């Protein structure tokens, strides 16, 4: 199955993926600060959340890494995905960053857009 991926630099872009295809989002995060990336908005009829994991960077104590989200396209149509960086125990007042993506989910297994591909992410 085809996997598409995005990072912070693709904020606001549209990605074309086929039904059943995976969409991976990788965002810099340092959990020791208390700030974690979380789903802010998602079209649950067309997009399914599979899992979230943290991939450490250098391995240094207190060091950051990347939050990796995995989603799967469920149904044809346009879907919105929004993510936010916050301290969950504080709530909405603690949001310090947001990013969003639009997904064009198609039946066509050769869906294309102008976004460069990335390597596999091992999540």
N, C-alpha and C. Protein backbone atom coordinates (compact mmCIF):
# COMPACT_ATOMS: atom_id res chain seq x y z
N UNK A 1 0.85 -1.18 0.00
CA UNK A 1 0.00 0.00 0.00
C UNK A 1 0.89 1.24 0.00
N UNK A 2 0.43 2.26 -0.62
CA UNK A 2 1.19 3.49 -0.79
C UNK A 2 1.18 4.35 0.48
N UNK A 3 2.34 4.88 0.83
CA UNK A 3 2.47 5.74 2.00
C UNK A 3 2.91 7.13 1.57
N UNK A 4 2.22 8.15 2.07
CA UNK A 4 2.59 9.55 1.86
C UNK A 4 3.00 10.10 3.19
N UNK A 5 3.92 11.06 3.19
CA UNK A 5 4.36 11.63 4.46
C UNK A 5 4.50 13.14 4.36
N UNK A 6 4.44 13.78 5.53
CA UNK A 6 4.53 15.23 5.61
C UNK A 6 5.19 15.61 6.92
N UNK A 7 5.74 16.80 6.92
CA UNK A 7 6.32 17.37 8.13
C UNK A 7 5.86 18.81 8.29
N UNK A 8 6.45 19.49 9.20
CA UNK A 8 6.07 20.87 9.52
C UNK A 8 6.16 21.79 8.30
N UNK A 9 7.14 21.55 7.45
CA UNK A 9 7.32 22.43 6.28
C UNK A 9 6.21 22.27 5.24
N UNK A 10 5.41 21.24 5.34
CA UNK A 10 4.29 21.04 4.40
C UNK A 10 2.96 21.55 4.96
N UNK A 11 2.99 22.28 6.05
CA UNK A 11 1.78 22.82 6.67
C UNK A 11 0.94 23.53 5.61
N UNK A 12 -0.34 23.21 5.56
CA UNK A 12 -1.26 23.86 4.64
C UNK A 12 -1.34 23.23 3.26
N UNK A 13 -0.52 22.26 2.98
CA UNK A 13 -0.51 21.65 1.65
C UNK A 13 -1.58 20.56 1.51
N UNK A 14 -1.87 20.23 0.27
CA UNK A 14 -2.83 19.17 -0.06
C UNK A 14 -2.07 17.96 -0.56
N UNK A 15 -2.48 16.80 -0.08
CA UNK A 15 -1.86 15.53 -0.47
C UNK A 15 -2.92 14.63 -1.07
N UNK A 16 -2.59 13.96 -2.16
CA UNK A 16 -3.50 13.00 -2.77
C UNK A 16 -3.06 11.60 -2.37
N UNK A 17 -4.00 10.84 -1.81
CA UNK A 17 -3.70 9.45 -1.43
C UNK A 17 -4.90 8.58 -1.79
N UNK A 18 -4.65 7.31 -2.08
CA UNK A 18 -5.75 6.41 -2.43
C UNK A 18 -6.42 5.86 -1.17
N UNK A 19 -7.67 5.42 -1.32
CA UNK A 19 -8.35 4.74 -0.23
C UNK A 19 -7.48 3.55 0.19
N UNK A 20 -7.27 3.40 1.47
CA UNK A 20 -6.40 2.34 2.00
C UNK A 20 -4.96 2.77 2.14
N UNK A 21 -4.60 3.92 1.58
CA UNK A 21 -3.23 4.41 1.67
C UNK A 21 -2.95 5.02 3.03
N UNK A 22 -1.68 5.04 3.40
CA UNK A 22 -1.25 5.59 4.69
C UNK A 22 -0.76 7.02 4.53
N UNK A 23 -0.98 7.83 5.56
CA UNK A 23 -0.48 9.19 5.63
C UNK A 23 0.28 9.33 6.94
N UNK A 24 1.57 9.66 6.85
CA UNK A 24 2.44 9.78 8.02
C UNK A 24 2.80 11.24 8.21
N UNK A 25 2.69 11.72 9.46
CA UNK A 25 3.08 13.08 9.80
C UNK A 25 4.18 13.00 10.86
N UNK A 26 5.30 13.69 10.60
CA UNK A 26 6.43 13.72 11.52
C UNK A 26 6.67 15.16 11.98
N UNK A 27 6.62 15.38 13.29
CA UNK A 27 6.76 16.73 13.84
C UNK A 27 7.77 16.72 14.99
N UNK A 28 8.63 17.73 15.02
CA UNK A 28 9.61 17.84 16.10
C UNK A 28 8.89 18.03 17.43
N UNK A 29 9.38 17.31 18.44
CA UNK A 29 8.76 17.37 19.76
C UNK A 29 9.81 17.10 20.83
N UNK A 30 9.66 17.75 21.97
CA UNK A 30 10.52 17.47 23.12
C UNK A 30 9.61 17.24 24.32
N UNK A 31 9.25 15.99 24.61
CA UNK A 31 8.30 15.69 25.68
C UNK A 31 8.72 16.18 27.06
N UNK A 32 10.02 16.37 27.29
CA UNK A 32 10.44 16.82 28.61
C UNK A 32 9.99 18.25 28.91
N UNK A 33 9.56 19.00 27.90
CA UNK A 33 9.03 20.35 28.11
C UNK A 33 7.56 20.31 28.52
N UNK A 34 6.94 19.14 28.36
CA UNK A 34 5.52 19.00 28.62
C UNK A 34 4.65 19.24 27.41
N UNK A 35 5.24 19.77 26.34
CA UNK A 35 4.49 20.04 25.12
C UNK A 35 4.51 18.81 24.21
N UNK A 36 3.31 18.36 23.85
CA UNK A 36 3.17 17.19 22.98
C UNK A 36 2.22 17.53 21.83
N UNK A 37 2.48 16.94 20.67
CA UNK A 37 1.58 17.10 19.53
C UNK A 37 0.37 16.20 19.75
N UNK A 38 -0.81 16.72 19.39
CA UNK A 38 -2.06 15.99 19.51
C UNK A 38 -2.95 16.33 18.32
N UNK A 39 -3.91 15.48 18.06
CA UNK A 39 -4.87 15.74 16.98
C UNK A 39 -5.80 16.85 17.42
N UNK A 40 -5.95 17.85 16.57
CA UNK A 40 -6.82 18.99 16.84
C UNK A 40 -8.16 18.83 16.13
N UNK A 41 -8.10 18.37 14.88
CA UNK A 41 -9.31 18.18 14.07
C UNK A 41 -9.02 17.10 13.03
N UNK A 42 -10.04 16.26 12.78
CA UNK A 42 -9.84 15.18 11.82
C UNK A 42 -11.19 14.75 11.27
N UNK A 43 -11.25 14.54 9.97
CA UNK A 43 -12.46 14.02 9.32
C UNK A 43 -12.50 12.51 9.56
N UNK A 44 -13.22 12.09 10.58
CA UNK A 44 -13.22 10.67 10.98
C UNK A 44 -13.98 9.77 10.01
N UNK A 45 -14.81 10.36 9.14
CA UNK A 45 -15.51 9.55 8.14
C UNK A 45 -14.58 9.10 7.01
N UNK A 46 -13.55 9.91 6.74
CA UNK A 46 -12.66 9.62 5.61
C UNK A 46 -11.25 9.22 6.02
N UNK A 47 -10.88 9.51 7.27
CA UNK A 47 -9.51 9.29 7.71
C UNK A 47 -9.52 8.58 9.06
N UNK A 48 -8.71 7.52 9.17
CA UNK A 48 -8.62 6.78 10.42
C UNK A 48 -7.28 6.98 11.10
N UNK A 49 -7.30 7.18 12.42
CA UNK A 49 -6.08 7.27 13.21
C UNK A 49 -5.61 5.86 13.52
N UNK A 50 -4.34 5.56 13.19
CA UNK A 50 -3.79 4.23 13.45
C UNK A 50 -2.97 4.23 14.73
N UNK A 51 -1.98 5.13 14.80
CA UNK A 51 -1.16 5.21 16.01
C UNK A 51 -0.27 6.44 16.00
N UNK A 52 0.28 6.72 17.18
CA UNK A 52 1.24 7.79 17.37
C UNK A 52 2.40 7.21 18.16
N UNK A 53 3.62 7.61 17.79
CA UNK A 53 4.80 7.13 18.51
C UNK A 53 5.82 8.26 18.57
N UNK A 54 6.75 8.13 19.52
CA UNK A 54 7.81 9.11 19.65
C UNK A 54 9.11 8.44 19.25
N UNK A 55 9.85 9.10 18.34
CA UNK A 55 11.14 8.61 17.89
C UNK A 55 12.22 9.55 18.43
N UNK A 56 13.01 9.08 19.44
CA UNK A 56 14.05 9.94 20.03
C UNK A 56 15.07 10.38 18.99
N UNK A 57 15.61 11.58 19.21
CA UNK A 57 16.65 12.10 18.32
C UNK A 57 18.00 11.55 18.71
N UNK A 58 18.77 12.32 19.43
CA UNK A 58 20.15 11.97 19.78
C UNK A 58 20.24 10.92 20.88
N UNK A 59 19.20 10.72 21.64
CA UNK A 59 19.26 9.80 22.76
C UNK A 59 19.75 10.45 24.04
N UNK A 60 20.08 11.75 23.99
CA UNK A 60 20.54 12.47 25.17
C UNK A 60 19.38 12.66 26.14
N UNK A 61 19.67 12.64 27.43
CA UNK A 61 18.65 12.86 28.44
C UNK A 61 18.05 14.25 28.23
N UNK A 62 16.72 14.29 28.17
CA UNK A 62 16.03 15.56 27.96
C UNK A 62 16.00 16.00 26.51
N UNK A 63 16.58 15.19 25.63
CA UNK A 63 16.63 15.56 24.22
C UNK A 63 15.30 15.35 23.53
N UNK A 64 15.14 16.03 22.45
CA UNK A 64 13.92 15.92 21.67
C UNK A 64 14.00 14.83 20.64
N UNK A 65 13.01 14.81 19.80
CA UNK A 65 12.92 13.83 18.73
C UNK A 65 11.75 14.19 17.84
N UNK A 66 11.07 13.17 17.35
CA UNK A 66 9.92 13.42 16.48
C UNK A 66 8.72 12.61 16.92
N UNK A 67 7.56 13.30 16.92
CA UNK A 67 6.28 12.63 17.11
C UNK A 67 5.86 12.17 15.72
N UNK A 68 5.52 10.90 15.60
CA UNK A 68 5.14 10.32 14.31
C UNK A 68 3.70 9.81 14.41
N UNK A 69 2.84 10.38 13.60
CA UNK A 69 1.44 9.97 13.53
C UNK A 69 1.22 9.15 12.27
N UNK A 70 0.43 8.10 12.38
CA UNK A 70 0.06 7.29 11.23
C UNK A 70 -1.46 7.30 11.08
N UNK A 71 -1.91 7.68 9.88
CA UNK A 71 -3.34 7.71 9.56
C UNK A 71 -3.56 6.85 8.32
N UNK A 72 -4.80 6.40 8.13
CA UNK A 72 -5.12 5.62 6.94
C UNK A 72 -6.39 6.19 6.29
N UNK A 73 -6.33 6.35 4.97
CA UNK A 73 -7.48 6.85 4.21
C UNK A 73 -8.58 5.79 4.18
N UNK A 74 -9.81 6.19 4.53
CA UNK A 74 -10.92 5.24 4.62
C UNK A 74 -11.94 5.39 3.51
N UNK A 75 -12.15 6.61 3.02
CA UNK A 75 -13.22 6.82 2.04
C UNK A 75 -12.85 7.97 1.10
N UNK A 76 -13.35 7.90 -0.11
CA UNK A 76 -13.10 8.90 -1.14
C UNK A 76 -13.67 10.26 -0.71
N UNK A 77 -12.91 11.32 -0.99
CA UNK A 77 -13.37 12.67 -0.71
C UNK A 77 -12.25 13.53 -0.17
N UNK A 78 -12.61 14.74 0.27
CA UNK A 78 -11.65 15.68 0.86
C UNK A 78 -11.69 15.52 2.37
N UNK A 79 -10.52 15.49 2.99
CA UNK A 79 -10.43 15.36 4.44
C UNK A 79 -9.47 16.41 4.99
N UNK A 80 -9.80 16.93 6.15
CA UNK A 80 -8.94 17.90 6.85
C UNK A 80 -8.32 17.21 8.05
N UNK A 81 -7.03 17.49 8.27
CA UNK A 81 -6.33 16.97 9.44
C UNK A 81 -5.59 18.13 10.09
N UNK A 82 -5.89 18.39 11.35
CA UNK A 82 -5.23 19.45 12.10
C UNK A 82 -4.53 18.89 13.32
N UNK A 83 -3.34 19.39 13.61
CA UNK A 83 -2.57 18.95 14.78
C UNK A 83 -2.17 20.18 15.59
N UNK A 84 -2.00 19.99 16.90
CA UNK A 84 -1.63 21.11 17.77
C UNK A 84 -0.58 20.66 18.77
N UNK A 85 0.27 21.60 19.16
CA UNK A 85 1.32 21.35 20.15
C UNK A 85 0.90 22.05 21.44
N UNK A 86 0.69 21.26 22.49
CA UNK A 86 0.17 21.82 23.73
C UNK A 86 0.58 21.00 24.94
N UNK A 87 0.37 21.58 26.09
CA UNK A 87 0.46 20.85 27.36
C UNK A 87 -0.96 20.39 27.66
N UNK A 88 -1.22 19.10 27.49
CA UNK A 88 -2.59 18.59 27.56
C UNK A 88 -3.26 18.87 28.89
N UNK A 89 -2.52 18.84 29.99
CA UNK A 89 -3.15 19.05 31.30
C UNK A 89 -3.56 20.50 31.50
N UNK A 90 -3.00 21.43 30.73
CA UNK A 90 -3.38 22.84 30.81
C UNK A 90 -4.56 23.12 29.89
N UNK A 91 -4.57 22.48 28.72
CA UNK A 91 -5.67 22.65 27.78
C UNK A 91 -5.39 23.64 26.67
N UNK A 92 -6.46 24.15 26.07
CA UNK A 92 -6.37 24.98 24.87
C UNK A 92 -5.52 26.24 25.07
N UNK A 93 -5.49 26.77 26.27
CA UNK A 93 -4.71 27.99 26.52
C UNK A 93 -3.21 27.77 26.35
N UNK A 94 -2.78 26.51 26.35
CA UNK A 94 -1.34 26.22 26.26
C UNK A 94 -0.86 25.93 24.84
N UNK A 95 -1.75 25.96 23.85
CA UNK A 95 -1.36 25.66 22.46
C UNK A 95 -0.33 26.69 21.99
N UNK A 96 0.84 26.19 21.53
CA UNK A 96 1.89 27.10 21.05
C UNK A 96 2.18 26.93 19.57
N UNK A 97 1.61 25.89 18.93
CA UNK A 97 1.83 25.69 17.50
C UNK A 97 0.72 24.83 16.95
N UNK A 98 0.44 25.01 15.68
CA UNK A 98 -0.56 24.21 14.97
C UNK A 98 -0.06 23.96 13.56
N UNK A 99 -0.53 22.88 12.97
CA UNK A 99 -0.32 22.66 11.54
C UNK A 99 -1.50 21.85 11.02
N UNK A 100 -1.75 21.97 9.72
CA UNK A 100 -2.91 21.32 9.12
C UNK A 100 -2.58 20.86 7.71
N UNK A 101 -3.27 19.82 7.30
CA UNK A 101 -3.10 19.25 5.97
C UNK A 101 -4.48 18.95 5.41
N UNK A 102 -4.58 19.03 4.09
CA UNK A 102 -5.80 18.63 3.40
C UNK A 102 -5.46 17.39 2.59
N UNK A 103 -6.31 16.40 2.69
CA UNK A 103 -6.09 15.15 1.97
C UNK A 103 -7.17 14.97 0.92
N UNK A 104 -6.76 14.69 -0.29
CA UNK A 104 -7.67 14.37 -1.37
C UNK A 104 -7.60 12.85 -1.53
N UNK A 105 -8.61 12.17 -1.04
CA UNK A 105 -8.61 10.71 -1.03
C UNK A 105 -9.35 10.22 -2.27
N UNK A 106 -8.65 9.41 -3.04
CA UNK A 106 -9.18 8.95 -4.32
C UNK A 106 -9.23 7.43 -4.38
N UNK A 107 -9.94 6.95 -5.37
CA UNK A 107 -9.97 5.51 -5.64
C UNK A 107 -8.73 5.11 -6.42
N UNK A 108 -8.19 6.08 -7.15
CA UNK A 108 -7.04 5.86 -8.03
C UNK A 108 -5.78 5.56 -7.22
N UNK A 109 -5.19 4.42 -7.42
CA UNK A 109 -3.99 4.01 -6.69
C UNK A 109 -2.74 4.78 -7.16
N UNK A 110 -2.88 5.58 -8.21
CA UNK A 110 -1.74 6.37 -8.70
C UNK A 110 -1.97 7.85 -8.44
N UNK A 111 -2.72 8.17 -7.39
CA UNK A 111 -2.99 9.57 -7.05
C UNK A 111 -1.69 10.35 -6.97
N UNK A 112 -1.69 11.55 -7.54
CA UNK A 112 -0.47 12.36 -7.58
C UNK A 112 -0.73 13.76 -7.07
N UNK A 113 0.33 14.35 -6.55
CA UNK A 113 0.31 15.76 -6.22
C UNK A 113 1.74 16.26 -6.40
N UNK A 114 2.01 17.50 -6.04
CA UNK A 114 3.32 18.07 -6.30
C UNK A 114 4.26 17.99 -5.09
N UNK A 115 3.91 17.20 -4.07
CA UNK A 115 4.72 17.10 -2.87
C UNK A 115 5.75 15.99 -3.01
N UNK A 116 7.02 16.27 -2.70
CA UNK A 116 8.05 15.23 -2.83
C UNK A 116 7.81 14.06 -1.88
N UNK A 117 8.24 12.89 -2.28
CA UNK A 117 8.10 11.69 -1.47
C UNK A 117 9.24 11.62 -0.46
N UNK A 118 9.00 10.89 0.63
CA UNK A 118 10.03 10.65 1.65
C UNK A 118 10.25 9.15 1.76
N UNK A 119 11.32 8.80 2.45
CA UNK A 119 11.61 7.39 2.68
C UNK A 119 10.63 6.80 3.69
N UNK A 120 10.65 5.47 3.83
CA UNK A 120 9.79 4.79 4.82
C UNK A 120 10.16 5.29 6.22
N UNK A 121 9.22 5.24 7.13
CA UNK A 121 9.40 5.84 8.44
C UNK A 121 9.52 4.86 9.58
N UNK A 122 9.34 3.59 9.34
CA UNK A 122 9.57 2.58 10.36
C UNK A 122 8.71 2.69 11.59
N UNK A 123 7.45 3.08 11.42
CA UNK A 123 6.59 3.14 12.60
C UNK A 123 5.60 2.01 12.58
